[in-house]
Amino acid sequence: MFFSSKNTIRGIIAATVCACAMTISAFAADIAAIAPVGASAAEGTVLSAQQVDTAAQAQAQAEAERAAAAQAAAEAARRTLLNYQPVYGGMVRFSTAKSASEVITANGRALGSYKLSFYCPCEQCSGHWGGRTSSGARATEGRTIAVDPRKIPIGSRVFIEGFGDFIAEDVGGAIKGNRIDIYVGGHSRAQQLGIQYANVYIMN
C-alpha cells in the first residue's frame, strides 16, 4: 500500500510537470504568433491626410523644377542655333530671301522703317571722297552704308530687310534721321535702285 501511494504521487507530479510544460509551450507559441503582427503593423503605418498632401506637393514641385530646367536647356540650345553670322560683299539687290528671320530678330534691335538711297564713288555721289569713307575704311559694295551716327553709331553691324548685312562705315550731308545710303559700284546701278524703304535692325 505504501509503494502504491508513492507511485500515485509520482504520477501526479509527472502529470503536473507535463501540463506546465505544455502551458509554457503554448504561451511561447502565442507570443511568436503575435510578434509578426506587431511588426507588420509598424511597417504599414497609415499616413495622415496632411502627410499625403505634403508629399504630393513636394513631388509636384520637383516635377515642375525638372520641367523648367529642361525647358531652359532647350531654349539655350535653340539660341545657340540662332547665332548671327553676317555675310558681307556681293552685288546689292533686293531679295525676298533676305527677310528678317528669327536669327535677326533674336540678335538684333528693330529700328523701324528707313528710307534707302544708293550712292557710288563717282564725283556726283561722293565728291572728292571717291571710294574712301569717313571712317577710313575702303567703301565696298555689299558692306558699306552711310548713316546718321546719331541714329546708328559708326562701326555698327546693320541688317536691312530685303538687302542683307552691312556695316555703318560712312556718313553723308543728306543722310539724316531714318535714312541710309547704300554704297554700290557704279552710278547707273545707284540710279536704277532709286529710292526704297525697308525695316532696319542694328545687330548685337
C-alpha atoms as a PDB file:
ATOM      1  CA  MET A   1       0.000   0.000   0.000  1.00  0.00           C
ATOM      2  CA  PHE A   2       2.830   2.357   0.797  1.00  0.00           C
ATOM      3  CA  PHE A   3       4.522   1.721  -2.539  1.00  0.00           C
ATOM      4  CA  SER A   4       1.203   2.203  -4.339  1.00  0.00           C
ATOM      5  CA  SER A   5       0.744   5.618  -2.752  1.00  0.00           C
ATOM      6  CA  LYS A   6       4.287   6.656  -3.751  1.00  0.00           C
ATOM      7  CA  ASN A   7       3.637   5.620  -7.317  1.00  0.00           C
ATOM      8  CA  THR A   8       0.420   7.564  -7.339  1.00  0.00           C
ATOM      9  CA  ILE A   9       2.180  10.705  -6.024  1.00  0.00           C
ATOM     10  CA  ARG A  10       4.925  10.334  -8.631  1.00  0.00           C
ATOM     11  CA  GLY A  11       2.283  10.084 -11.371  1.00  0.00           C
ATOM     12  CA  ILE A  12       0.532  13.171 -10.162  1.00  0.00           C
ATOM     13  CA  ILE A  13       3.819  15.125 -10.089  1.00  0.00           C
ATOM     14  CA  ALA A  14       4.760  13.947 -13.596  1.00  0.00           C
ATOM     15  CA  ALA A  15       1.357  14.886 -14.958  1.00  0.00           C
ATOM     16  CA  THR A  16       1.603  18.291 -13.323  1.00  0.00           C
ATOM     17  CA  VAL A  17       5.085  18.932 -14.780  1.00  0.00           C
ATOM     18  CA  CYS A  18       3.904  17.862 -18.228  1.00  0.00           C
ATOM     19  CA  ALA A  19       0.861  20.124 -18.032  1.00  0.00           C
ATOM     20  CA  CYS A  20       3.055  23.073 -17.009  1.00  0.00           C
ATOM     21  CA  ALA A  21       5.434  22.396 -19.890  1.00  0.00           C
ATOM     22  CA  MET A  22       2.547  22.311 -22.323  1.00  0.00           C
ATOM     23  CA  THR A  23       1.182  25.567 -20.964  1.00  0.00           C
ATOM     24  CA  ILE A  24       4.579  27.273 -21.282  1.00  0.00           C
ATOM     25  CA  SER A  25       4.964  25.991 -24.872  1.00  0.00           C
ATOM     26  CA  ALA A  26       1.524  27.237 -25.807  1.00  0.00           C
ATOM     27  CA  PHE A  27       2.284  30.651 -24.263  1.00  0.00           C
ATOM     28  CA  ALA A  28       5.555  30.894 -26.219  1.00  0.00           C
ATOM     29  CA  ALA A  29       3.760  29.968 -29.429  1.00  0.00           C
ATOM     30  CA  ASP A  30       1.187  32.676 -28.793  1.00  0.00           C
ATOM     31  CA  ILE A  31       3.933  35.263 -28.301  1.00  0.00           C
ATOM     32  CA  ALA A  32       5.667  34.144 -31.525  1.00  0.00           C
ATOM     33  CA  ALA A  33       2.403  34.448 -33.407  1.00  0.00           C
ATOM     34  CA  ILE A  34       1.652  37.907 -32.004  1.00  0.00           C
ATOM     35  CA  ALA A  35       5.151  39.413 -32.680  1.00  0.00           C
ATOM     36  CA  PRO A  36       4.982  39.421 -36.525  1.00  0.00           C
ATOM     37  CA  VAL A  37       1.569  41.051 -36.390  1.00  0.00           C
ATOM     38  CA  GLY A  38       3.018  43.891 -34.339  1.00  0.00           C
ATOM     39  CA  ALA A  39       5.969  44.288 -36.742  1.00  0.00           C
ATOM     40  CA  SER A  40       3.694  44.366 -39.768  1.00  0.00           C
ATOM     41  CA  ALA A  41       1.527  46.962 -38.154  1.00  0.00           C
ATOM     42  CA  ALA A  42       4.585  49.135 -37.500  1.00  0.00           C
ATOM     43  CA  GLU A  43       5.803  48.762 -41.087  1.00  0.00           C
ATOM     44  CA  GLY A  44       2.427  49.520 -42.602  1.00  0.00           C
ATOM     45  CA  THR A  45       1.720  52.721 -40.680  1.00  0.00           C
ATOM     46  CA  VAL A  46      -1.036  54.704 -42.431  1.00  0.00           C
ATOM     47  CA  LEU A  47      -0.099  58.332 -43.295  1.00  0.00           C
ATOM     48  CA  SER A  48      -2.419  61.132 -42.310  1.00  0.00           C
ATOM     49  CA  ALA A  49      -4.233  63.198 -44.961  1.00  0.00           C
ATOM     50  CA  GLN A  50      -1.901  66.137 -44.259  1.00  0.00           C
ATOM     51  CA  GLN A  51       1.196  63.985 -44.752  1.00  0.00           C
ATOM     52  CA  VAL A  52      -0.157  62.626 -48.040  1.00  0.00           C
ATOM     53  CA  ASP A  53      -0.940  66.168 -49.239  1.00  0.00           C
ATOM     54  CA  THR A  54       2.535  67.419 -48.268  1.00  0.00           C
ATOM     55  CA  ALA A  55       4.201  64.532 -50.115  1.00  0.00           C
ATOM     56  CA  ALA A  56       2.092  65.184 -53.230  1.00  0.00           C
ATOM     57  CA  GLN A  57       3.002  68.882 -53.195  1.00  0.00           C
ATOM     58  CA  ALA A  58       6.715  68.094 -52.863  1.00  0.00           C
ATOM     59  CA  GLN A  59       6.536  65.676 -55.798  1.00  0.00           C
ATOM     60  CA  ALA A  60       4.645  68.191 -57.948  1.00  0.00           C
ATOM     61  CA  GLN A  61       7.230  70.902 -57.155  1.00  0.00           C
ATOM     62  CA  ALA A  62      10.113  68.572 -58.024  1.00  0.00           C
ATOM     63  CA  GLU A  63       8.471  67.681 -61.339  1.00  0.00           C
ATOM     64  CA  ALA A  64       7.853  71.366 -62.114  1.00  0.00           C
ATOM     65  CA  GLU A  65      11.514  72.204 -61.392  1.00  0.00           C
ATOM     66  CA  ARG A  66      12.682  69.381 -63.670  1.00  0.00           C
ATOM     67  CA  ALA A  67      10.374  70.598 -66.444  1.00  0.00           C
ATOM     68  CA  ALA A  68      11.623  74.182 -66.064  1.00  0.00           C
ATOM     69  CA  ALA A  69      15.255  73.051 -66.206  1.00  0.00           C
ATOM     70  CA  ALA A  70      14.569  71.004 -69.340  1.00  0.00           C
ATOM     71  CA  GLN A  71      12.822  73.975 -70.972  1.00  0.00           C
ATOM     72  CA  ALA A  72      15.721  76.298 -70.121  1.00  0.00           C
ATOM     73  CA  ALA A  73      18.208  73.829 -71.614  1.00  0.00           C
ATOM     74  CA  ALA A  74      16.130  73.533 -74.789  1.00  0.00           C
ATOM     75  CA  GLU A  75      15.913  77.328 -75.093  1.00  0.00           C
ATOM     76  CA  ALA A  76      19.689  77.660 -74.633  1.00  0.00           C
ATOM     77  CA  ALA A  77      20.246  75.072 -77.372  1.00  0.00           C
ATOM     78  CA  ARG A  78      17.834  76.920 -79.664  1.00  0.00           C
ATOM     79  CA  ARG A  79      19.621  80.219 -79.012  1.00  0.00           C
ATOM     80  CA  THR A  80      22.929  78.582 -79.928  1.00  0.00           C
ATOM     81  CA  LEU A  81      21.456  77.584 -83.278  1.00  0.00           C
ATOM     82  CA  LEU A  82      20.295  81.191 -83.754  1.00  0.00           C
ATOM     83  CA  ASN A  83      23.835  82.565 -83.696  1.00  0.00           C
ATOM     84  CA  TYR A  84      24.080  85.594 -86.006  1.00  0.00           C
ATOM     85  CA  GLN A  85      26.714  85.209 -88.737  1.00  0.00           C
ATOM     86  CA  PRO A  86      26.657  88.158 -91.148  1.00  0.00           C
ATOM     87  CA  VAL A  87      27.600  87.781 -94.805  1.00  0.00           C
ATOM     88  CA  TYR A  88      29.177  90.807 -96.448  1.00  0.00           C
ATOM     89  CA  GLY A  89      30.047  91.557-100.063  1.00  0.00           C
ATOM     90  CA  GLY A  90      28.351  90.751-103.325  1.00  0.00           C
ATOM     91  CA  MET A  91      26.062  92.778-105.531  1.00  0.00           C
ATOM     92  CA  VAL A  92      23.476  94.895-103.756  1.00  0.00           C
ATOM     93  CA  ARG A  93      19.964  93.984-104.865  1.00  0.00           C
ATOM     94  CA  PHE A  94      16.601  93.355-103.298  1.00  0.00           C
ATOM     95  CA  SER A  95      15.776  89.744-102.410  1.00  0.00           C
ATOM     96  CA  THR A  96      12.807  88.298-100.537  1.00  0.00           C
ATOM     97  CA  ALA A  97      15.226  85.643 -99.236  1.00  0.00           C
ATOM     98  CA  LYS A  98      16.832  88.354 -97.097  1.00  0.00           C
ATOM     99  CA  SER A  99      13.871  88.771 -94.789  1.00  0.00           C
ATOM    100  CA  ALA A 100      14.129  89.362 -91.045  1.00  0.00           C
ATOM    101  CA  SER A 101      14.352  85.762 -89.892  1.00  0.00           C
ATOM    102  CA  GLU A 102      14.259  84.570 -86.275  1.00  0.00           C
ATOM    103  CA  VAL A 103      18.067  84.795 -86.258  1.00  0.00           C
ATOM    104  CA  ILE A 104      17.802  88.527 -86.973  1.00  0.00           C
ATOM    105  CA  THR A 105      15.013  89.285 -84.516  1.00  0.00           C
ATOM    106  CA  ALA A 106      16.711  87.217 -81.788  1.00  0.00           C
ATOM    107  CA  ASN A 107      20.051  89.004 -82.174  1.00  0.00           C
ATOM    108  CA  GLY A 108      19.065  92.465 -83.312  1.00  0.00           C
ATOM    109  CA  ARG A 109      17.132  95.537 -82.237  1.00  0.00           C
ATOM    110  CA  ALA A 110      14.486  96.832 -84.595  1.00  0.00           C
ATOM    111  CA  LEU A 111      14.933 100.478 -85.602  1.00  0.00           C
ATOM    112  CA  GLY A 112      11.810 100.715 -87.720  1.00  0.00           C
ATOM    113  CA  SER A 113      11.374 101.680 -91.349  1.00  0.00           C
ATOM    114  CA  TYR A 114      14.170 103.624 -93.073  1.00  0.00           C
ATOM    115  CA  LYS A 115      14.359 105.446 -96.390  1.00  0.00           C
ATOM    116  CA  LEU A 116      17.074 103.909 -98.570  1.00  0.00           C
ATOM    117  CA  SER A 117      19.083 105.646-101.263  1.00  0.00           C
ATOM    118  CA  PHE A 118      22.135 104.435-103.162  1.00  0.00           C
ATOM    119  CA  TYR A 119      25.456 106.064-103.980  1.00  0.00           C
ATOM    120  CA  CYS A 120      28.694 105.226-105.797  1.00  0.00           C
ATOM    121  CA  PRO A 121      32.296 106.535-105.799  1.00  0.00           C
ATOM    122  CA  CYS A 122      31.684 108.992-108.632  1.00  0.00           C
ATOM    123  CA  GLU A 123      32.151 112.706-108.048  1.00  0.00           C
ATOM    124  CA  GLN A 124      28.433 113.366-108.370  1.00  0.00           C
ATOM    125  CA  CYS A 125      27.664 110.953-105.498  1.00  0.00           C
ATOM    126  CA  SER A 126      30.791 111.168-103.323  1.00  0.00           C
ATOM    127  CA  GLY A 127      32.575 114.366-104.318  1.00  0.00           C
ATOM    128  CA  HIS A 128      36.313 114.245-103.651  1.00  0.00           C
ATOM    129  CA  TRP A 129      35.931 111.248-101.316  1.00  0.00           C
ATOM    130  CA  GLY A 130      35.743 108.727-104.149  1.00  0.00           C
ATOM    131  CA  GLY A 131      35.877 105.205-102.685  1.00  0.00           C
ATOM    132  CA  ARG A 132      37.007 106.392 -99.263  1.00  0.00           C
ATOM    133  CA  THR A 133      34.695 106.603 -96.267  1.00  0.00           C
ATOM    134  CA  SER A 134      34.635 108.936 -93.279  1.00  0.00           C
ATOM    135  CA  SER A 135      35.626 106.006 -91.036  1.00  0.00           C
ATOM    136  CA  GLY A 136      38.778 105.374 -93.077  1.00  0.00           C
ATOM    137  CA  ALA A 137      37.581 102.035 -94.470  1.00  0.00           C
ATOM    138  CA  ARG A 138      37.567 101.465 -98.211  1.00  0.00           C
ATOM    139  CA  ALA A 139      33.976 101.559 -99.481  1.00  0.00           C
ATOM    140  CA  THR A 140      32.857  98.082-100.519  1.00  0.00           C
ATOM    141  CA  GLU A 141      29.616  97.089-102.203  1.00  0.00           C
ATOM    142  CA  GLY A 142      27.580  94.724-100.066  1.00  0.00           C
ATOM    143  CA  ARG A 143      29.158  96.039 -96.858  1.00  0.00           C
ATOM    144  CA  THR A 144      29.387  99.847 -96.717  1.00  0.00           C
ATOM    145  CA  ILE A 145      26.466 102.087 -95.803  1.00  0.00           C
ATOM    146  CA  ALA A 146      26.302 105.758 -94.861  1.00  0.00           C
ATOM    147  CA  VAL A 147      24.205 106.580 -91.790  1.00  0.00           C
ATOM    148  CA  ASP A 148      23.306 109.326 -89.384  1.00  0.00           C
ATOM    149  CA  PRO A 149      25.635 108.475 -86.468  1.00  0.00           C
ATOM    150  CA  ARG A 150      23.127 109.956 -84.028  1.00  0.00           C
ATOM    151  CA  LYS A 151      20.827 107.097 -85.013  1.00  0.00           C
ATOM    152  CA  ILE A 152      23.302 104.359 -85.897  1.00  0.00           C
ATOM    153  CA  PRO A 153      26.853 104.591 -84.477  1.00  0.00           C
ATOM    154  CA  ILE A 154      29.723 104.220 -86.935  1.00  0.00           C
ATOM    155  CA  GLY A 155      31.009 100.642 -86.896  1.00  0.00           C
ATOM    156  CA  SER A 156      27.585  99.155 -86.136  1.00  0.00           C
ATOM    157  CA  ARG A 157      26.525  95.963 -87.849  1.00  0.00           C
ATOM    158  CA  VAL A 158      23.217  96.584 -89.597  1.00  0.00           C
ATOM    159  CA  PHE A 159      20.670  94.302 -91.231  1.00  0.00           C
ATOM    160  CA  ILE A 160      18.425  95.867 -93.878  1.00  0.00           C
ATOM    161  CA  GLU A 161      15.432  93.721 -94.668  1.00  0.00           C
ATOM    162  CA  GLY A 162      15.455  92.702 -98.325  1.00  0.00           C
ATOM    163  CA  PHE A 163      19.139  93.673 -98.784  1.00  0.00           C
ATOM    164  CA  GLY A 164      21.069  91.861 -96.067  1.00  0.00           C
ATOM    165  CA  ASP A 165      24.072  92.630 -93.871  1.00  0.00           C
ATOM    166  CA  PHE A 166      26.057  95.877 -93.834  1.00  0.00           C
ATOM    167  CA  ILE A 167      28.430  97.904 -91.652  1.00  0.00           C
ATOM    168  CA  ALA A 168      27.923 101.575 -90.908  1.00  0.00           C
ATOM    169  CA  GLU A 169      31.193 102.978 -92.295  1.00  0.00           C
ATOM    170  CA  ASP A 170      30.258 106.325 -93.805  1.00  0.00           C
ATOM    171  CA  VAL A 171      28.230 109.492 -93.323  1.00  0.00           C
ATOM    172  CA  GLY A 172      26.673 111.967 -95.738  1.00  0.00           C
ATOM    173  CA  GLY A 173      25.433 115.534 -95.648  1.00  0.00           C
ATOM    174  CA  ALA A 174      21.933 114.486 -96.722  1.00  0.00           C
ATOM    175  CA  ILE A 175      21.823 111.352 -94.565  1.00  0.00           C
ATOM    176  CA  LYS A 176      19.842 112.471 -91.546  1.00  0.00           C
ATOM    177  CA  GLY A 177      17.416 110.670 -89.264  1.00  0.00           C
ATOM    178  CA  ASN A 178      15.812 107.485 -90.568  1.00  0.00           C
ATOM    179  CA  ARG A 179      17.762 107.376 -93.795  1.00  0.00           C
ATOM    180  CA  ILE A 180      20.542 105.115 -95.066  1.00  0.00           C
ATOM    181  CA  ASP A 181      22.701 105.482 -98.185  1.00  0.00           C
ATOM    182  CA  ILE A 182      23.857 102.102 -99.537  1.00  0.00           C
ATOM    183  CA  TYR A 183      27.133 102.001-101.459  1.00  0.00           C
ATOM    184  CA  VAL A 184      27.189 100.338-104.914  1.00  0.00           C
ATOM    185  CA  GLY A 185      29.907 100.048-107.525  1.00  0.00           C
ATOM    186  CA  GLY A 186      28.516 102.262-110.310  1.00  0.00           C
ATOM    187  CA  HIS A 187      26.341 105.310-110.898  1.00  0.00           C
ATOM    188  CA  SER A 188      23.906 103.600-113.269  1.00  0.00           C
ATOM    189  CA  ARG A 189      23.139 100.960-110.668  1.00  0.00           C
ATOM    190  CA  ALA A 190      22.634 103.608-107.999  1.00  0.00           C
ATOM    191  CA  GLN A 191      20.082 105.286-110.263  1.00  0.00           C
ATOM    192  CA  GLN A 192      18.350 102.001-111.125  1.00  0.00           C
ATOM    193  CA  LEU A 193      17.889 101.099-107.465  1.00  0.00           C
ATOM    194  CA  GLY A 194      16.418 104.554-106.824  1.00  0.00           C
ATOM    195  CA  ILE A 195      14.643 105.172-103.514  1.00  0.00           C
ATOM    196  CA  GLN A 196      13.256 102.328-101.413  1.00  0.00           C
ATOM    197  CA  TYR A 197      12.001 101.692 -97.886  1.00  0.00           C
ATOM    198  CA  ALA A 198      12.852  98.800 -95.586  1.00  0.00           C
ATOM    199  CA  ASN A 199      12.869  97.732 -91.952  1.00  0.00           C
ATOM    200  CA  VAL A 200      16.289  98.072 -90.334  1.00  0.00           C
ATOM    201  CA  TYR A 201      17.890  96.214 -87.419  1.00  0.00           C
ATOM    202  CA  ILE A 202      21.034  97.083 -85.517  1.00  0.00           C
ATOM    203  CA  MET A 203      22.728  93.812 -84.640  1.00  0.00           C
ATOM    204  CA  ASN A 204      24.339  92.834 -81.348  1.00  0.00           C
END
